[in-house]
Each structure stands twice: as structure tokens, then as C-alpha cells.
Amino acid sequence: MHKIANRIILVVVILLAGLYFLQSKINSPEECQKVAGVWNATEEVCEQTTTQTIYESLSSGYPITMTYPETDIQVEIDKVETVEEVYYLRGHYQILLKEATGDEQAVYDRGLLYLNMSKMVILNEAEGGLVHYAAPFIINTVGKGVFVYSGLFSYDMKSKKSVHLDSALLGNRIREEKITYFNDYLQVDFKNHGEHQAYADYPTKNDVIYLKLLNNFSSFETVERMHSSWDENSDGNNDCESDGSCDHTTNYSLPRASL
């Protein structure tokens, strides 16, 4: 009896130690950073930000339904996937292109949609109200291309419902997309393929798209705008205006070349 009791105590101790280890790992600064939390060093806990609140809601119990761009197809994003420490929410879509006739099988457009939650950007804070955010998402068409978009979304802090409001295409097989919020604009920087680059190669060309937010964050449109790298003092004016070096042949919407 004593041996059995000792074994039970040992198992309980091991289980408690394991749970403590897991909890400590989840609440480490590194894990906290991955989910965009704020690490409280005094309490040694990961405190929730709006970003983390939205991610946890969408990944457990309140999945978002996204609109397949340029169609009315609705795709439920209800799976969680982590790739190279990047957090995605994933959904599968299937669109009937041609009905089955006689001996011919039906033809479908199938693919996956990945919403990149690690690159989510909060546009406004509204405790207990409607929050807007932007995040890139990927449509993998399984052989036809891997198209990357910038998405605009709302999230109701009370109902925990998120709505997909708008989309803007960035390109096919682009990489390193980054969304930055400036007043009424989103600046989306990314690596695109050069004129003579194959899509199978890693893109090396620096590119940028500007999206102007409209109708109180309900939509956006692509516009031409000066890249932030041309405004080092952040006064809203191109640095070339102060020294008279502006050149009409220069595309100021692209990043400034490093000296």
C-alpha cells in the first residue's frame, strides 16, 4: 500500500511540475512577444493587448468569415497554423467552375486562405466598442499562384465578432510584407519580383503600396503618396523641398535608396 501511495504521489508531483513548466513557457517574454502581448516583468505575466484579444477570439470560438477577393464567396477561417514562428488563421475554399456533364467530372477552383495575425496592425482603440485593424493575408490557389493581399477588418469588443471590410492586392509570391499606419493611410512595404526575375526566385525588388482609409475605416483605396523614407524629420514634406533637390524623374512613392 505504501509503495502504491508513493507512486501516486510521485505521478502527481511530476504532473504538477509539468503544468508549471508549460505555464512558465507560455508566460515567458518570448512567447508573450509572439502573440503581441505586453510582458509585465514585475508580475511575470503576459498582459493582453487589443491585438492579443482579437487573435485569441478569432482562434478560439469566434472565427472570422472572409470574402474571397472580387467574388461573393465566403471563406470561414477556423484553423490555427504556425509557420516559422508566424501565427496564421487558415481556411479552405472550393469554388465550382463547371458542372459535371456526362463522363466529365466537375471542375473546381480549390485553395487555402491564410490570415497573418503576427503582422496585424491596430488602427484605432475603442474599449468596449468597434476596433479596426489591418493584416496581410495569402490566397494559395494550389498551382496558379500565391497571391498576397492587405485586408481591412473590424472587431466588436462586446460581441467578439470580426468583419472583413476590404482587400487590396499586393502581388503574386511577394515576401516580407509590412503594414505601417500613418494618419489616414496604410503604407505597405514588401519585396516584389524584378522585371527579369522568375516567380520561383526569392523577390529582391523593394516595392510599396499606399492605401487611403475611407468612410471612418470602412474601406480603402490605392493612392500615390510619398514614401516615409523621404521625410526624415517627419514634417510631412519631402526633404528635397528644403534643399531644392527635387527631381521629377524620381518616384518618391518608392523607398529612398541607402547612401
C-alpha atoms as a PDB file:
ATOM      1  CA  MET A   1       0.000   0.000   0.000  1.00  0.00           C
ATOM      2  CA  HIS A   2       2.807   2.395   0.885  1.00  0.00           C
ATOM      3  CA  LYS A   3       4.510   1.697  -2.462  1.00  0.00           C
ATOM      4  CA  ILE A   4       1.287   2.431  -4.359  1.00  0.00           C
ATOM      5  CA  ALA A   5       0.730   5.634  -2.384  1.00  0.00           C
ATOM      6  CA  ASN A   6       4.302   6.744  -3.049  1.00  0.00           C
ATOM      7  CA  ARG A   7       3.863   6.090  -6.770  1.00  0.00           C
ATOM      8  CA  ILE A   8       0.646   8.124  -6.849  1.00  0.00           C
ATOM      9  CA  ILE A   9       2.354  10.996  -5.040  1.00  0.00           C
ATOM     10  CA  LEU A  10       5.282  10.822  -7.481  1.00  0.00           C
ATOM     11  CA  VAL A  11       2.938  10.948 -10.509  1.00  0.00           C
ATOM     12  CA  VAL A  12       1.075  13.923  -9.049  1.00  0.00           C
ATOM     13  CA  VAL A  13       4.339  15.776  -8.405  1.00  0.00           C
ATOM     14  CA  ILE A  14       5.519  15.111 -11.970  1.00  0.00           C
ATOM     15  CA  LEU A  15       2.207  16.312 -13.418  1.00  0.00           C
ATOM     16  CA  LEU A  16       2.264  19.488 -11.335  1.00  0.00           C
ATOM     17  CA  ALA A  17       5.867  20.143 -12.337  1.00  0.00           C
ATOM     18  CA  GLY A  18       4.929  19.661 -15.985  1.00  0.00           C
ATOM     19  CA  LEU A  19       1.991  22.025 -15.722  1.00  0.00           C
ATOM     20  CA  TYR A  20       4.196  24.600 -14.009  1.00  0.00           C
ATOM     21  CA  PHE A  21       6.781  24.292 -16.781  1.00  0.00           C
ATOM     22  CA  LEU A  22       4.168  24.720 -19.508  1.00  0.00           C
ATOM     23  CA  GLN A  23       2.624  27.708 -17.779  1.00  0.00           C
ATOM     24  CA  SER A  24       6.051  29.288 -17.357  1.00  0.00           C
ATOM     25  CA  LYS A  25       6.820  28.707 -21.037  1.00  0.00           C
ATOM     26  CA  ILE A  26       3.550  30.259 -22.134  1.00  0.00           C
ATOM     27  CA  ASN A  27       4.167  33.227 -19.867  1.00  0.00           C
ATOM     28  CA  SER A  28       7.765  33.777 -20.922  1.00  0.00           C
ATOM     29  CA  PRO A  29       8.730  37.102 -22.559  1.00  0.00           C
ATOM     30  CA  GLU A  30       9.479  35.265 -25.809  1.00  0.00           C
ATOM     31  CA  GLU A  31       6.076  33.561 -26.012  1.00  0.00           C
ATOM     32  CA  CYS A  32       4.360  36.776 -24.964  1.00  0.00           C
ATOM     33  CA  GLN A  33       6.023  38.677 -27.798  1.00  0.00           C
ATOM     34  CA  LYS A  34       4.867  36.112 -30.364  1.00  0.00           C
ATOM     35  CA  VAL A  35       1.221  36.860 -29.596  1.00  0.00           C
ATOM     36  CA  ALA A  36       1.788  40.629 -29.368  1.00  0.00           C
ATOM     37  CA  GLY A  37       1.286  40.699 -25.625  1.00  0.00           C
ATOM     38  CA  VAL A  38       2.998  43.068 -23.158  1.00  0.00           C
ATOM     39  CA  TRP A  39       5.354  41.382 -20.700  1.00  0.00           C
ATOM     40  CA  ASN A  40       4.950  42.595 -17.115  1.00  0.00           C
ATOM     41  CA  ALA A  41       8.370  41.922 -15.581  1.00  0.00           C
ATOM     42  CA  THR A  42       7.208  42.715 -12.042  1.00  0.00           C
ATOM     43  CA  GLU A  43       4.322  40.234 -12.050  1.00  0.00           C
ATOM     44  CA  GLU A  44       5.995  37.935 -14.609  1.00  0.00           C
ATOM     45  CA  VAL A  45       2.794  37.608 -16.630  1.00  0.00           C
ATOM     46  CA  CYS A  46       1.810  38.311 -20.220  1.00  0.00           C
ATOM     47  CA  GLU A  47      -0.781  41.089 -20.270  1.00  0.00           C
ATOM     48  CA  GLN A  48      -3.294  41.230 -23.091  1.00  0.00           C
ATOM     49  CA  THR A  49      -3.233  43.919 -25.729  1.00  0.00           C
ATOM     50  CA  THR A  50      -6.028  44.583 -28.226  1.00  0.00           C
ATOM     51  CA  THR A  51      -4.010  42.586 -30.757  1.00  0.00           C
ATOM     52  CA  GLN A  52      -3.824  39.568 -28.478  1.00  0.00           C
ATOM     53  CA  THR A  53      -7.514  39.852 -27.568  1.00  0.00           C
ATOM     54  CA  ILE A  54      -8.512  39.754 -31.239  1.00  0.00           C
ATOM     55  CA  TYR A  55      -6.169  36.860 -32.033  1.00  0.00           C
ATOM     56  CA  GLU A  56      -7.395  34.714 -29.143  1.00  0.00           C
ATOM     57  CA  SER A  57     -11.028  35.452 -30.011  1.00  0.00           C
ATOM     58  CA  LEU A  58     -10.659  34.594 -33.699  1.00  0.00           C
ATOM     59  CA  SER A  59      -8.632  31.465 -32.989  1.00  0.00           C
ATOM     60  CA  SER A  60     -10.997  30.004 -30.378  1.00  0.00           C
ATOM     61  CA  GLY A  61     -14.757  30.208 -30.604  1.00  0.00           C
ATOM     62  CA  TYR A  62     -15.317  33.296 -32.746  1.00  0.00           C
ATOM     63  CA  PRO A  63     -13.773  32.580 -36.197  1.00  0.00           C
ATOM     64  CA  ILE A  64     -13.900  35.242 -38.882  1.00  0.00           C
ATOM     65  CA  THR A  65     -15.555  34.706 -42.264  1.00  0.00           C
ATOM     66  CA  MET A  66     -13.605  36.392 -45.061  1.00  0.00           C
ATOM     67  CA  THR A  67     -14.690  37.366 -48.554  1.00  0.00           C
ATOM     68  CA  TYR A  68     -12.692  35.836 -51.391  1.00  0.00           C
ATOM     69  CA  PRO A  69     -11.483  38.992 -53.236  1.00  0.00           C
ATOM     70  CA  GLU A  70     -13.507  40.090 -56.268  1.00  0.00           C
ATOM     71  CA  THR A  71     -16.205  37.486 -55.568  1.00  0.00           C
ATOM     72  CA  ASP A  72     -19.052  36.920 -53.121  1.00  0.00           C
ATOM     73  CA  ILE A  73     -17.522  33.632 -51.914  1.00  0.00           C
ATOM     74  CA  GLN A  74     -17.336  33.432 -48.120  1.00  0.00           C
ATOM     75  CA  VAL A  75     -14.441  31.524 -46.518  1.00  0.00           C
ATOM     76  CA  GLU A  76     -14.535  30.603 -42.829  1.00  0.00           C
ATOM     77  CA  ILE A  77     -11.104  30.994 -41.227  1.00  0.00           C
ATOM     78  CA  ASP A  78     -11.306  28.465 -38.414  1.00  0.00           C
ATOM     79  CA  LYS A  79      -7.907  26.725 -38.186  1.00  0.00           C
ATOM     80  CA  VAL A  80      -4.728  27.861 -36.428  1.00  0.00           C
ATOM     81  CA  GLU A  81      -1.324  27.299 -38.026  1.00  0.00           C
ATOM     82  CA  THR A  82       2.173  28.429 -37.048  1.00  0.00           C
ATOM     83  CA  VAL A  83       4.910  28.612 -39.706  1.00  0.00           C
ATOM     84  CA  GLU A  84       8.409  29.780 -38.735  1.00  0.00           C
ATOM     85  CA  GLU A  85       7.027  31.448 -35.582  1.00  0.00           C
ATOM     86  CA  VAL A  86       4.406  33.359 -37.596  1.00  0.00           C
ATOM     87  CA  TYR A  87       0.794  32.908 -36.462  1.00  0.00           C
ATOM     88  CA  TYR A  88      -1.834  32.310 -39.152  1.00  0.00           C
ATOM     89  CA  LEU A  89      -5.549  31.631 -39.168  1.00  0.00           C
ATOM     90  CA  ARG A  90      -6.434  29.324 -42.060  1.00  0.00           C
ATOM     91  CA  GLY A  91      -9.495  28.428 -44.106  1.00  0.00           C
ATOM     92  CA  HIS A  92     -10.232  26.270 -47.144  1.00  0.00           C
ATOM     93  CA  TYR A  93     -12.319  27.291 -50.139  1.00  0.00           C
ATOM     94  CA  GLN A  94     -13.795  25.393 -53.070  1.00  0.00           C
ATOM     95  CA  ILE A  95     -15.487  27.149 -55.997  1.00  0.00           C
ATOM     96  CA  LEU A  96     -17.417  25.215 -58.656  1.00  0.00           C
ATOM     97  CA  LEU A  97     -16.236  26.344 -62.095  1.00  0.00           C
ATOM     98  CA  LYS A  98     -18.008  23.777 -64.272  1.00  0.00           C
ATOM     99  CA  GLU A  99     -20.805  21.324 -63.539  1.00  0.00           C
ATOM    100  CA  ALA A 100     -20.249  17.623 -64.189  1.00  0.00           C
ATOM    101  CA  THR A 101     -21.687  16.574 -67.571  1.00  0.00           C
ATOM    102  CA  GLY A 102     -21.854  13.039 -68.929  1.00  0.00           C
ATOM    103  CA  ASP A 103     -18.470  11.403 -68.437  1.00  0.00           C
ATOM    104  CA  GLU A 104     -16.758  14.669 -67.482  1.00  0.00           C
ATOM    105  CA  GLN A 105     -16.168  15.431 -63.835  1.00  0.00           C
ATOM    106  CA  ALA A 106     -16.952  18.750 -62.244  1.00  0.00           C
ATOM    107  CA  VAL A 107     -14.175  21.353 -62.291  1.00  0.00           C
ATOM    108  CA  TYR A 108     -13.325  23.228 -59.086  1.00  0.00           C
ATOM    109  CA  ASP A 109     -11.079  26.090 -58.050  1.00  0.00           C
ATOM    110  CA  ARG A 110      -9.616  24.985 -54.722  1.00  0.00           C
ATOM    111  CA  GLY A 111      -7.197  26.642 -52.385  1.00  0.00           C
ATOM    112  CA  LEU A 112      -6.273  27.900 -48.932  1.00  0.00           C
ATOM    113  CA  LEU A 113      -6.567  31.317 -47.320  1.00  0.00           C
ATOM    114  CA  TYR A 114      -4.103  32.331 -44.591  1.00  0.00           C
ATOM    115  CA  LEU A 115      -4.673  35.403 -42.420  1.00  0.00           C
ATOM    116  CA  ASN A 116      -1.338  36.616 -40.973  1.00  0.00           C
ATOM    117  CA  MET A 117      -2.095  37.571 -37.374  1.00  0.00           C
ATOM    118  CA  SER A 118       1.557  38.217 -36.493  1.00  0.00           C
ATOM    119  CA  LYS A 119       1.537  41.280 -38.789  1.00  0.00           C
ATOM    120  CA  MET A 120      -1.789  42.692 -37.613  1.00  0.00           C
ATOM    121  CA  VAL A 121      -1.853  46.491 -37.108  1.00  0.00           C
ATOM    122  CA  ILE A 122      -4.447  48.151 -34.857  1.00  0.00           C
ATOM    123  CA  LEU A 123      -5.890  51.328 -36.415  1.00  0.00           C
ATOM    124  CA  ASN A 124      -7.998  52.611 -33.526  1.00  0.00           C
ATOM    125  CA  GLU A 125      -8.624  51.693 -29.911  1.00  0.00           C
ATOM    126  CA  ALA A 126     -12.211  51.518 -28.662  1.00  0.00           C
ATOM    127  CA  GLU A 127     -12.587  49.787 -25.309  1.00  0.00           C
ATOM    128  CA  GLY A 128     -15.951  48.071 -25.377  1.00  0.00           C
ATOM    129  CA  GLY A 129     -16.612  49.326 -28.896  1.00  0.00           C
ATOM    130  CA  LEU A 130     -15.590  48.801 -32.520  1.00  0.00           C
ATOM    131  CA  VAL A 131     -11.880  48.365 -33.243  1.00  0.00           C
ATOM    132  CA  HIS A 132     -10.428  48.432 -36.767  1.00  0.00           C
ATOM    133  CA  TYR A 133      -7.283  46.636 -37.830  1.00  0.00           C
ATOM    134  CA  ALA A 134      -5.316  45.717 -40.945  1.00  0.00           C
ATOM    135  CA  ALA A 135      -3.486  42.472 -41.667  1.00  0.00           C
ATOM    136  CA  PRO A 136      -1.985  40.775 -44.727  1.00  0.00           C
ATOM    137  CA  PHE A 137      -3.475  37.530 -45.985  1.00  0.00           C
ATOM    138  CA  ILE A 138      -2.431  34.927 -48.532  1.00  0.00           C
ATOM    139  CA  ILE A 139      -4.509  33.027 -51.067  1.00  0.00           C
ATOM    140  CA  ASN A 140      -2.750  29.854 -52.190  1.00  0.00           C
ATOM    141  CA  THR A 141      -4.509  28.727 -55.351  1.00  0.00           C
ATOM    142  CA  VAL A 142      -2.605  25.415 -55.430  1.00  0.00           C
ATOM    143  CA  GLY A 143      -0.610  25.768 -58.626  1.00  0.00           C
ATOM    144  CA  LYS A 144      -1.951  29.010 -60.115  1.00  0.00           C
ATOM    145  CA  GLY A 145      -0.225  31.411 -57.767  1.00  0.00           C
ATOM    146  CA  VAL A 146       0.239  32.572 -54.192  1.00  0.00           C
ATOM    147  CA  PHE A 147      -1.446  35.970 -54.042  1.00  0.00           C
ATOM    148  CA  VAL A 148      -0.877  38.302 -51.102  1.00  0.00           C
ATOM    149  CA  TYR A 149      -3.418  40.950 -50.081  1.00  0.00           C
ATOM    150  CA  SER A 150      -3.749  43.629 -47.460  1.00  0.00           C
ATOM    151  CA  GLY A 151      -7.024  43.215 -45.598  1.00  0.00           C
ATOM    152  CA  LEU A 152      -9.096  45.710 -43.618  1.00  0.00           C
ATOM    153  CA  PHE A 153     -11.194  44.432 -40.707  1.00  0.00           C
ATOM    154  CA  SER A 154     -13.356  45.488 -37.777  1.00  0.00           C
ATOM    155  CA  TYR A 155     -13.703  43.773 -34.392  1.00  0.00           C
ATOM    156  CA  ASP A 156     -16.527  44.357 -31.903  1.00  0.00           C
ATOM    157  CA  MET A 157     -15.100  44.162 -28.371  1.00  0.00           C
ATOM    158  CA  LYS A 158     -18.535  43.292 -26.961  1.00  0.00           C
ATOM    159  CA  SER A 159     -19.867  40.679 -29.382  1.00  0.00           C
ATOM    160  CA  LYS A 160     -16.339  39.441 -30.319  1.00  0.00           C
ATOM    161  CA  LYS A 161     -17.390  39.444 -33.969  1.00  0.00           C
ATOM    162  CA  SER A 162     -14.847  40.376 -36.630  1.00  0.00           C
ATOM    163  CA  VAL A 163     -15.848  41.542 -40.121  1.00  0.00           C
ATOM    164  CA  HIS A 164     -13.759  41.578 -43.298  1.00  0.00           C
ATOM    165  CA  LEU A 165     -14.328  45.040 -44.817  1.00  0.00           C
ATOM    166  CA  ASP A 166     -11.993  45.395 -47.802  1.00  0.00           C
ATOM    167  CA  SER A 167      -8.985  43.910 -49.649  1.00  0.00           C
ATOM    168  CA  ALA A 168      -6.144  45.245 -51.805  1.00  0.00           C
ATOM    169  CA  LEU A 169      -3.904  43.019 -53.916  1.00  0.00           C
ATOM    170  CA  LEU A 170      -0.171  43.401 -53.275  1.00  0.00           C
ATOM    171  CA  GLY A 171       1.126  40.817 -55.743  1.00  0.00           C
ATOM    172  CA  ASN A 172       1.927  37.211 -56.600  1.00  0.00           C
ATOM    173  CA  ARG A 173       4.504  35.440 -54.406  1.00  0.00           C
ATOM    174  CA  ILE A 174       5.688  38.640 -52.743  1.00  0.00           C
ATOM    175  CA  ARG A 175       7.552  38.423 -49.423  1.00  0.00           C
ATOM    176  CA  GLU A 176       8.362  40.432 -46.298  1.00  0.00           C
ATOM    177  CA  GLU A 177       5.140  42.474 -46.378  1.00  0.00           C
ATOM    178  CA  LYS A 178       4.885  45.077 -43.612  1.00  0.00           C
ATOM    179  CA  ILE A 179       1.921  47.369 -42.869  1.00  0.00           C
ATOM    180  CA  THR A 180       2.530  50.779 -41.261  1.00  0.00           C
ATOM    181  CA  TYR A 181      -0.276  53.132 -40.232  1.00  0.00           C
ATOM    182  CA  PHE A 182       0.168  56.880 -40.884  1.00  0.00           C
ATOM    183  CA  ASN A 183      -2.851  59.044 -40.040  1.00  0.00           C
ATOM    184  CA  ASP A 184      -5.397  58.195 -42.776  1.00  0.00           C
ATOM    185  CA  TYR A 185      -3.045  55.965 -44.771  1.00  0.00           C
ATOM    186  CA  LEU A 186      -1.594  52.495 -44.700  1.00  0.00           C
ATOM    187  CA  GLN A 187       1.907  52.123 -46.116  1.00  0.00           C
ATOM    188  CA  VAL A 188       2.530  48.522 -47.202  1.00  0.00           C
ATOM    189  CA  ASP A 189       6.183  47.719 -47.939  1.00  0.00           C
ATOM    190  CA  PHE A 190       7.164  44.383 -49.473  1.00  0.00           C
ATOM    191  CA  LYS A 191       9.655  42.524 -51.649  1.00  0.00           C
ATOM    192  CA  ASN A 192       8.442  42.077 -55.225  1.00  0.00           C
ATOM    193  CA  HIS A 193       9.938  40.310 -58.237  1.00  0.00           C
ATOM    194  CA  GLY A 194      12.104  42.333 -60.584  1.00  0.00           C
ATOM    195  CA  GLU A 195      11.414  42.602 -64.297  1.00  0.00           C
ATOM    196  CA  HIS A 196      13.608  39.612 -65.188  1.00  0.00           C
ATOM    197  CA  GLN A 197      13.017  37.521 -62.037  1.00  0.00           C
ATOM    198  CA  ALA A 198      11.161  34.218 -62.135  1.00  0.00           C
ATOM    199  CA  TYR A 199       8.353  33.745 -59.628  1.00  0.00           C
ATOM    200  CA  ALA A 200      10.219  30.716 -58.273  1.00  0.00           C
ATOM    201  CA  ASP A 201      13.055  33.029 -57.137  1.00  0.00           C
ATOM    202  CA  TYR A 202      13.011  34.953 -53.875  1.00  0.00           C
ATOM    203  CA  PRO A 203      11.895  38.529 -54.733  1.00  0.00           C
ATOM    204  CA  THR A 204      14.513  41.255 -54.315  1.00  0.00           C
ATOM    205  CA  LYS A 205      12.816  44.433 -55.548  1.00  0.00           C
ATOM    206  CA  ASN A 206      11.646  46.885 -52.867  1.00  0.00           C
ATOM    207  CA  ASP A 207       8.050  47.915 -53.510  1.00  0.00           C
ATOM    208  CA  VAL A 208       5.349  49.878 -51.698  1.00  0.00           C
ATOM    209  CA  ILE A 209       1.603  50.457 -51.945  1.00  0.00           C
ATOM    210  CA  TYR A 210      -0.379  53.197 -50.196  1.00  0.00           C
ATOM    211  CA  LEU A 211      -3.952  52.644 -49.103  1.00  0.00           C
ATOM    212  CA  LYS A 212      -6.063  55.631 -48.099  1.00  0.00           C
ATOM    213  CA  LEU A 213      -8.618  54.818 -45.404  1.00  0.00           C
ATOM    214  CA  LEU A 214     -12.141  55.962 -46.252  1.00  0.00           C
ATOM    215  CA  ASN A 215     -15.542  56.327 -44.572  1.00  0.00           C
ATOM    216  CA  ASN A 216     -14.349  56.006 -40.988  1.00  0.00           C
ATOM    217  CA  PHE A 217     -12.199  52.874 -41.585  1.00  0.00           C
ATOM    218  CA  SER A 218     -14.885  51.043 -43.563  1.00  0.00           C
ATOM    219  CA  SER A 219     -12.863  50.785 -46.813  1.00  0.00           C
ATOM    220  CA  PHE A 220      -9.646  51.883 -48.501  1.00  0.00           C
ATOM    221  CA  GLU A 221      -8.294  52.721 -51.953  1.00  0.00           C
ATOM    222  CA  THR A 222      -4.847  52.584 -53.557  1.00  0.00           C
ATOM    223  CA  VAL A 223      -3.238  56.032 -53.963  1.00  0.00           C
ATOM    224  CA  GLU A 224       0.126  57.540 -54.871  1.00  0.00           C
ATOM    225  CA  ARG A 225       1.970  59.015 -51.895  1.00  0.00           C
ATOM    226  CA  MET A 226       5.465  59.926 -50.784  1.00  0.00           C
ATOM    227  CA  HIS A 227       7.354  57.103 -49.056  1.00  0.00           C
ATOM    228  CA  SER A 228       8.150  57.888 -45.411  1.00  0.00           C
ATOM    229  CA  SER A 229      11.898  57.462 -46.041  1.00  0.00           C
ATOM    230  CA  TRP A 230      11.852  60.792 -47.978  1.00  0.00           C
ATOM    231  CA  ASP A 231      10.652  62.616 -44.858  1.00  0.00           C
ATOM    232  CA  GLU A 232      13.371  62.065 -42.254  1.00  0.00           C
ATOM    233  CA  ASN A 233      12.210  64.896 -39.970  1.00  0.00           C
ATOM    234  CA  SER A 234       8.555  63.712 -40.154  1.00  0.00           C
ATOM    235  CA  ASP A 235       7.195  67.166 -41.001  1.00  0.00           C
ATOM    236  CA  GLY A 236       5.009  65.840 -43.814  1.00  0.00           C
ATOM    237  CA  ASN A 237       7.135  67.396 -46.572  1.00  0.00           C
ATOM    238  CA  ASN A 238       9.686  65.814 -48.889  1.00  0.00           C
ATOM    239  CA  ASP A 239      13.240  66.502 -47.665  1.00  0.00           C
ATOM    240  CA  CYS A 240      14.187  67.552 -51.214  1.00  0.00           C
ATOM    241  CA  GLU A 241      11.974  70.636 -50.878  1.00  0.00           C
ATOM    242  CA  SER A 242      14.233  72.130 -48.204  1.00  0.00           C
ATOM    243  CA  ASP A 243      17.406  71.900 -50.293  1.00  0.00           C
ATOM    244  CA  GLY A 244      15.864  72.303 -53.769  1.00  0.00           C
ATOM    245  CA  SER A 245      16.965  68.881 -54.978  1.00  0.00           C
ATOM    246  CA  CYS A 246      13.562  67.560 -56.053  1.00  0.00           C
ATOM    247  CA  ASP A 247      13.666  65.718 -59.387  1.00  0.00           C
ATOM    248  CA  HIS A 248      10.518  64.998 -61.413  1.00  0.00           C
ATOM    249  CA  THR A 249      12.101  61.782 -62.733  1.00  0.00           C
ATOM    250  CA  THR A 250      12.325  60.290 -59.215  1.00  0.00           C
ATOM    251  CA  ASN A 251       9.491  58.081 -57.993  1.00  0.00           C
ATOM    252  CA  TYR A 252       9.065  59.369 -54.447  1.00  0.00           C
ATOM    253  CA  SER A 253       6.498  56.702 -53.634  1.00  0.00           C
ATOM    254  CA  LEU A 254       9.333  54.124 -53.558  1.00  0.00           C
ATOM    255  CA  PRO A 255      11.761  53.781 -50.616  1.00  0.00           C
ATOM    256  CA  ARG A 256      14.750  56.104 -50.603  1.00  0.00           C
ATOM    257  CA  ALA A 257      17.990  54.391 -51.669  1.00  0.00           C
ATOM    258  CA  SER A 258      20.510  53.896 -48.863  1.00  0.00           C
ATOM    259  CA  LEU A 259      23.648  56.013 -49.129  1.00  0.00           C
END
